[in-house]
PDB file of N, CA and C in Angstrom:
ATOM      1  N   GLU A   1      56.989 -67.626 -18.556  1.00  0.00           N
ATOM      2  CA  GLU A   1      57.837 -67.376 -17.395  1.00  0.00           C
ATOM      3  C   GLU A   1      58.869 -66.312 -17.755  1.00  0.00           C
ATOM      4  N   LYS A   2      59.140 -65.418 -16.836  1.00  0.00           N
ATOM      5  CA  LYS A   2      60.054 -64.307 -17.075  1.00  0.00           C
ATOM      6  C   LYS A   2      61.511 -64.676 -16.834  1.00  0.00           C
ATOM      7  N   GLY A   3      61.781 -65.723 -16.094  1.00  0.00           N
ATOM      8  CA  GLY A   3      63.157 -66.077 -15.792  1.00  0.00           C
ATOM      9  C   GLY A   3      63.542 -65.647 -14.400  1.00  0.00           C
ATOM     10  N   GLU A   4      64.805 -65.284 -14.245  1.00  0.00           N
ATOM     11  CA  GLU A   4      65.338 -64.945 -12.931  1.00  0.00           C
ATOM     12  C   GLU A   4      65.185 -63.458 -12.638  1.00  0.00           C
ATOM     13  N   CYS A   5      64.848 -63.154 -11.389  1.00  0.00           N
ATOM     14  CA  CYS A   5      64.751 -61.753 -10.995  1.00  0.00           C
ATOM     15  C   CYS A   5      66.140 -61.211 -10.642  1.00  0.00           C
ATOM     16  N   VAL A   6      66.244 -59.887 -10.604  1.00  0.00           N
ATOM     17  CA  VAL A   6      67.505 -59.217 -10.281  1.00  0.00           C
ATOM     18  C   VAL A   6      67.623 -59.124  -8.753  1.00  0.00           C
ATOM     19  N   PRO A   7      68.618 -59.796  -8.159  1.00  0.00           N
ATOM     20  CA  PRO A   7      68.769 -59.750  -6.702  1.00  0.00           C
ATOM     21  C   PRO A   7      68.826 -58.317  -6.175  1.00  0.00           C
ATOM     22  N   GLY A   8      68.075 -58.061  -5.115  1.00  0.00           N
ATOM     23  CA  GLY A   8      68.038 -56.740  -4.505  1.00  0.00           C
ATOM     24  C   GLY A   8      66.927 -55.847  -5.030  1.00  0.00           C
ATOM     25  N   LYS A   9      66.323 -56.202  -6.163  1.00  0.00           N
ATOM     26  CA  LYS A   9      65.237 -55.393  -6.729  1.00  0.00           C
ATOM     27  C   LYS A   9      63.959 -55.634  -5.941  1.00  0.00           C
ATOM     28  N   SER A  10      63.110 -54.625  -5.879  1.00  0.00           N
ATOM     29  CA  SER A  10      61.812 -54.778  -5.235  1.00  0.00           C
ATOM     30  C   SER A  10      60.768 -53.997  -6.026  1.00  0.00           C
ATOM     31  N   TYR A  11      59.508 -54.303  -5.773  1.00  0.00           N
ATOM     32  CA  TYR A  11      58.415 -53.569  -6.401  1.00  0.00           C
ATOM     33  C   TYR A  11      57.167 -53.687  -5.529  1.00  0.00           C
ATOM     34  N   TYR A  12      56.254 -52.750  -5.715  1.00  0.00           N
ATOM     35  CA  TYR A  12      54.985 -52.739  -4.993  1.00  0.00           C
ATOM     36  C   TYR A  12      53.940 -53.374  -5.894  1.00  0.00           C
ATOM     37  N   ASP A  13      53.243 -54.395  -5.405  1.00  0.00           N
ATOM     38  CA  ASP A  13      52.288 -55.124  -6.245  1.00  0.00           C
ATOM     39  C   ASP A  13      50.849 -54.625  -6.126  1.00  0.00           C
ATOM     40  N   GLY A  14      50.680 -53.449  -5.535  1.00  0.00           N
ATOM     41  CA  GLY A  14      49.351 -52.902  -5.345  1.00  0.00           C
ATOM     42  C   GLY A  14      48.834 -53.141  -3.937  1.00  0.00           C
ATOM     43  N   CYS A  15      49.552 -53.970  -3.196  1.00  0.00           N
ATOM     44  CA  CYS A  15      49.153 -54.310  -1.832  1.00  0.00           C
ATOM     45  C   CYS A  15      50.376 -54.531  -0.944  1.00  0.00           C
ATOM     46  N   ASN A  16      51.306 -55.332  -1.419  1.00  0.00           N
ATOM     47  CA  ASN A  16      52.498 -55.711  -0.663  1.00  0.00           C
ATOM     48  C   ASN A  16      53.765 -55.333  -1.425  1.00  0.00           C
ATOM     49  N   THR A  17      54.876 -55.301  -0.708  1.00  0.00           N
ATOM     50  CA  THR A  17      56.166 -55.092  -1.348  1.00  0.00           C
ATOM     51  C   THR A  17      56.795 -56.458  -1.590  1.00  0.00           C
ATOM     52  N   CYS A  18      57.229 -56.680  -2.826  1.00  0.00           N
ATOM     53  CA  CYS A  18      57.878 -57.939  -3.196  1.00  0.00           C
ATOM     54  C   CYS A  18      59.338 -57.643  -3.510  1.00  0.00           C
ATOM     55  N   TYR A  19      60.202 -58.577  -3.205  1.00  0.00           N
ATOM     56  CA  TYR A  19      61.627 -58.364  -3.429  1.00  0.00           C
ATOM     57  C   TYR A  19      62.286 -59.644  -3.902  1.00  0.00           C
ATOM     58  N   CYS A  20      63.416 -59.467  -4.572  1.00  0.00           N
ATOM     59  CA  CYS A  20      64.177 -60.588  -5.110  1.00  0.00           C
ATOM     60  C   CYS A  20      65.368 -60.864  -4.192  1.00  0.00           C
ATOM     61  N   HIS A  21      65.399 -62.051  -3.621  1.00  0.00           N
ATOM     62  CA  HIS A  21      66.526 -62.478  -2.782  1.00  0.00           C
ATOM     63  C   HIS A  21      67.729 -62.798  -3.674  1.00  0.00           C
ATOM     64  N   LYS A  22      68.904 -62.842  -3.081  1.00  0.00           N
ATOM     65  CA  LYS A  22      70.092 -63.148  -3.885  1.00  0.00           C
ATOM     66  C   LYS A  22      70.049 -64.538  -4.488  1.00  0.00           C
ATOM     67  N   SER A  23      69.215 -65.428  -3.946  1.00  0.00           N
ATOM     68  CA  SER A  23      69.066 -66.778  -4.511  1.00  0.00           C
ATOM     69  C   SER A  23      68.138 -66.797  -5.726  1.00  0.00           C
ATOM     70  N   GLY A  24      67.478 -65.651  -6.001  1.00  0.00           N
ATOM     71  CA  GLY A  24      66.531 -65.588  -7.110  1.00  0.00           C
ATOM     72  C   GLY A  24      65.100 -65.850  -6.686  1.00  0.00           C
ATOM     73  N   PHE A  25      64.900 -66.145  -5.395  1.00  0.00           N
ATOM     74  CA  PHE A  25      63.565 -66.375  -4.854  1.00  0.00           C
ATOM     75  C   PHE A  25      62.853 -65.041  -4.670  1.00  0.00           C
ATOM     76  N   ILE A  26      61.583 -64.960  -5.049  1.00  0.00           N
ATOM     77  CA  ILE A  26      60.800 -63.742  -4.868  1.00  0.00           C
ATOM     78  C   ILE A  26      59.958 -63.893  -3.609  1.00  0.00           C
ATOM     79  N   GLY A  27      60.094 -62.946  -2.699  1.00  0.00           N
ATOM     80  CA  GLY A  27      59.311 -62.944  -1.468  1.00  0.00           C
ATOM     81  C   GLY A  27      58.501 -61.664  -1.379  1.00  0.00           C
ATOM     82  N   CYS A  28      57.304 -61.767  -0.834  1.00  0.00           N
ATOM     83  CA  CYS A  28      56.442 -60.592  -0.682  1.00  0.00           C
ATOM     84  C   CYS A  28      55.943 -60.513   0.755  1.00  0.00           C
ATOM     85  N   THR A  29      55.730 -59.291   1.238  1.00  0.00           N
ATOM     86  CA  THR A  29      55.060 -59.148   2.520  1.00  0.00           C
ATOM     87  C   THR A  29      53.672 -59.756   2.340  1.00  0.00           C
ATOM     88  N   SER A  30      53.003 -60.090   3.408  1.00  0.00           N
ATOM     89  CA  SER A  30      51.754 -60.838   3.247  1.00  0.00           C
ATOM     90  C   SER A  30      50.555 -60.192   3.929  1.00  0.00           C
ATOM     91  N   MET A  31      50.393 -58.893   3.698  1.00  0.00           N
ATOM     92  CA  MET A  31      49.209 -58.234   4.221  1.00  0.00           C
ATOM     93  C   MET A  31      48.000 -58.666   3.393  1.00  0.00           C
ATOM     94  N   SER A  32      46.881 -58.849   4.048  1.00  0.00           N
ATOM     95  CA  SER A  32      45.639 -59.135   3.337  1.00  0.00           C
ATOM     96  C   SER A  32      45.089 -57.797   2.871  1.00  0.00           C
ATOM     97  N   CYS A  33      44.911 -57.652   1.587  1.00  0.00           N
ATOM     98  CA  CYS A  33      44.482 -56.368   1.046  1.00  0.00           C
ATOM     99  C   CYS A  33      43.130 -56.505   0.368  1.00  0.00           C
ATOM    100  N   LYS A  34      42.174 -55.873   0.966  1.00  0.00           N
ATOM    101  CA  LYS A  34      40.830 -55.892   0.404  1.00  0.00           C
ATOM    102  C   LYS A  34      40.363 -54.460   0.237  1.00  0.00           C
ATOM    103  N   GLU A  35      39.438 -54.279  -0.672  1.00  0.00           N
ATOM    104  CA  GLU A  35      38.819 -52.980  -0.857  1.00  0.00           C
ATOM    105  C   GLU A  35      37.316 -53.195  -0.932  1.00  0.00           C
ATOM    106  N   ILE A  36      36.569 -52.161  -0.654  1.00  0.00           N
ATOM    107  CA  ILE A  36      35.116 -52.239  -0.708  1.00  0.00           C
ATOM    108  C   ILE A  36      34.649 -51.758  -2.075  1.00  0.00           C
ATOM    109  N   ASP A  37      33.862 -52.589  -2.753  1.00  0.00           N
ATOM    110  CA  ASP A  37      33.273 -52.200  -4.033  1.00  0.00           C
ATOM    111  C   ASP A  37      32.230 -51.127  -3.735  1.00  0.00           C
ATOM    112  N   PRO A  38      32.399 -49.907  -4.283  1.00  0.00           N
ATOM    113  CA  PRO A  38      31.476 -48.816  -3.955  1.00  0.00           C
ATOM    114  C   PRO A  38      30.036 -49.066  -4.429  1.00  0.00           C
ATOM    115  N   GLU A  39      29.875 -49.886  -5.458  1.00  0.00           N
ATOM    116  CA  GLU A  39      28.530 -50.154  -5.974  1.00  0.00           C
ATOM    117  C   GLU A  39      27.786 -51.195  -5.151  1.00  0.00           C
ATOM    118  N   THR A  40      28.495 -52.217  -4.680  1.00  0.00           N
ATOM    119  CA  THR A  40      27.834 -53.320  -3.976  1.00  0.00           C
ATOM    120  C   THR A  40      28.083 -53.306  -2.471  1.00  0.00           C
ATOM    121  N   GLY A  41      29.137 -52.600  -2.039  1.00  0.00           N
ATOM    122  CA  GLY A  41      29.492 -52.592  -0.625  1.00  0.00           C
ATOM    123  C   GLY A  41      30.174 -53.875  -0.174  1.00  0.00           C
ATOM    124  N   VAL A  42      30.513 -54.739  -1.140  1.00  0.00           N
ATOM    125  CA  VAL A  42      31.133 -56.028  -0.844  1.00  0.00           C
ATOM    126  C   VAL A  42      32.655 -55.891  -0.852  1.00  0.00           C
ATOM    127  N   SER A  43      33.304 -56.556   0.092  1.00  0.00           N
ATOM    128  CA  SER A  43      34.760 -56.564   0.181  1.00  0.00           C
ATOM    129  C   SER A  43      35.327 -57.509  -0.874  1.00  0.00           C
ATOM    130  N   LYS A  44      36.385 -57.070  -1.550  1.00  0.00           N
ATOM    131  CA  LYS A  44      37.028 -57.920  -2.558  1.00  0.00           C
ATOM    132  C   LYS A  44      38.530 -57.727  -2.497  1.00  0.00           C
ATOM    133  N   GLU A  45      39.268 -58.716  -3.029  1.00  0.00           N
ATOM    134  CA  GLU A  45      40.731 -58.639  -3.061  1.00  0.00           C
ATOM    135  C   GLU A  45      41.177 -57.525  -4.008  1.00  0.00           C
ATOM    136  N   VAL A  46      42.249 -56.840  -3.650  1.00  0.00           N
ATOM    137  CA  VAL A  46      42.843 -55.821  -4.505  1.00  0.00           C
ATOM    138  C   VAL A  46      43.518 -56.528  -5.677  1.00  0.00           C
ATOM    139  N   GLN A  47      43.354 -55.976  -6.876  1.00  0.00           N
ATOM    140  CA  GLN A  47      44.000 -56.572  -8.047  1.00  0.00           C
ATOM    141  C   GLN A  47      45.501 -56.319  -7.972  1.00  0.00           C
ATOM    142  N   LYS A  48      46.284 -57.381  -8.135  1.00  0.00           N
ATOM    143  CA  LYS A  48      47.744 -57.288  -8.028  1.00  0.00           C
ATOM    144  C   LYS A  48      48.350 -56.707  -9.306  1.00  0.00           C
ATOM    145  N   ILE A  49      49.428 -55.958  -9.130  1.00  0.00           N
ATOM    146  CA  ILE A  49      50.181 -55.361 -10.238  1.00  0.00           C
ATOM    147  C   ILE A  49      51.405 -56.240 -10.486  1.00  0.00           C
ATOM    148  N   PRO A  50      51.657 -56.632 -11.738  1.00  0.00           N
ATOM    149  CA  PRO A  50      52.831 -57.472 -12.014  1.00  0.00           C
ATOM    150  C   PRO A  50      54.141 -56.692 -11.854  1.00  0.00           C
ATOM    151  N   PRO A  51      55.259 -57.401 -11.714  1.00  0.00           N
ATOM    152  CA  PRO A  51      56.556 -56.728 -11.590  1.00  0.00           C
ATOM    153  C   PRO A  51      56.886 -55.946 -12.860  1.00  0.00           C
ATOM    154  N   PRO A  52      57.634 -54.851 -12.733  1.00  0.00           N
ATOM    155  CA  PRO A  52      58.065 -54.107 -13.921  1.00  0.00           C
ATOM    156  C   PRO A  52      59.099 -54.923 -14.697  1.00  0.00           C
ATOM    157  N   PRO A  53      59.272 -54.634 -15.979  1.00  0.00           N
ATOM    158  CA  PRO A  53      60.236 -55.392 -16.790  1.00  0.00           C
ATOM    159  C   PRO A  53      61.648 -55.414 -16.207  1.00  0.00           C
ATOM    160  N   ASN A  54      62.103 -54.314 -15.580  1.00  0.00           N
ATOM    161  CA  ASN A  54      63.481 -54.273 -15.070  1.00  0.00           C
ATOM    162  C   ASN A  54      63.667 -55.081 -13.786  1.00  0.00           C
ATOM    163  N   PHE A  55      62.608 -55.728 -13.302  1.00  0.00           N
ATOM    164  CA  PHE A  55      62.715 -56.619 -12.148  1.00  0.00           C
ATOM    165  C   PHE A  55      63.386 -57.929 -12.560  1.00  0.00           C
ATOM    166  N   TRP A  56      63.350 -58.236 -13.850  1.00  0.00           N
ATOM    167  CA  TRP A  56      63.877 -59.498 -14.380  1.00  0.00           C
ATOM    168  C   TRP A  56      65.244 -59.317 -15.012  1.00  0.00           C
ATOM    169  N   LYS A  57      66.109 -60.320 -14.863  1.00  0.00           N
ATOM    170  CA  LYS A  57      67.412 -60.314 -15.537  1.00  0.00           C
ATOM    171  C   LYS A  57      67.168 -60.395 -17.031  1.00  0.00           C
ATOM    172  N   ASN A  58      68.064 -59.820 -17.793  1.00  0.00           N
ATOM    173  CA  ASN A  58      67.991 -59.827 -19.256  1.00  0.00           C
ATOM    174  C   ASN A  58      66.701 -59.219 -19.783  1.00  0.00           C
ATOM    175  N   SER A  59      66.135 -58.239 -19.057  1.00  0.00           N
ATOM    176  CA  SER A  59      64.930 -57.586 -19.565  1.00  0.00           C
ATOM    177  C   SER A  59      65.319 -56.664 -20.708  1.00  0.00           C
ATOM    178  N   VAL A  60      64.411 -56.499 -21.613  1.00  0.00           N
ATOM    179  CA  VAL A  60      64.686 -55.677 -22.805  1.00  0.00           C
ATOM    180  C   VAL A  60      64.354 -54.244 -22.516  1.00  0.00           C
TER     181      VAL A  60
END
């Protein structure tokens, strides 16, 4: 676990924008993000990107 996020910080997770509320709660927009696999033509979920280190309090 990373600990508490920095209130007011936000980041793009590859699909949605996530932000840190002043209470320390992380909220993200909730668009369904799928992409088409070019080899199979099958729809799949977009791989999420984790928050950057400076999103967390006391990050090194």
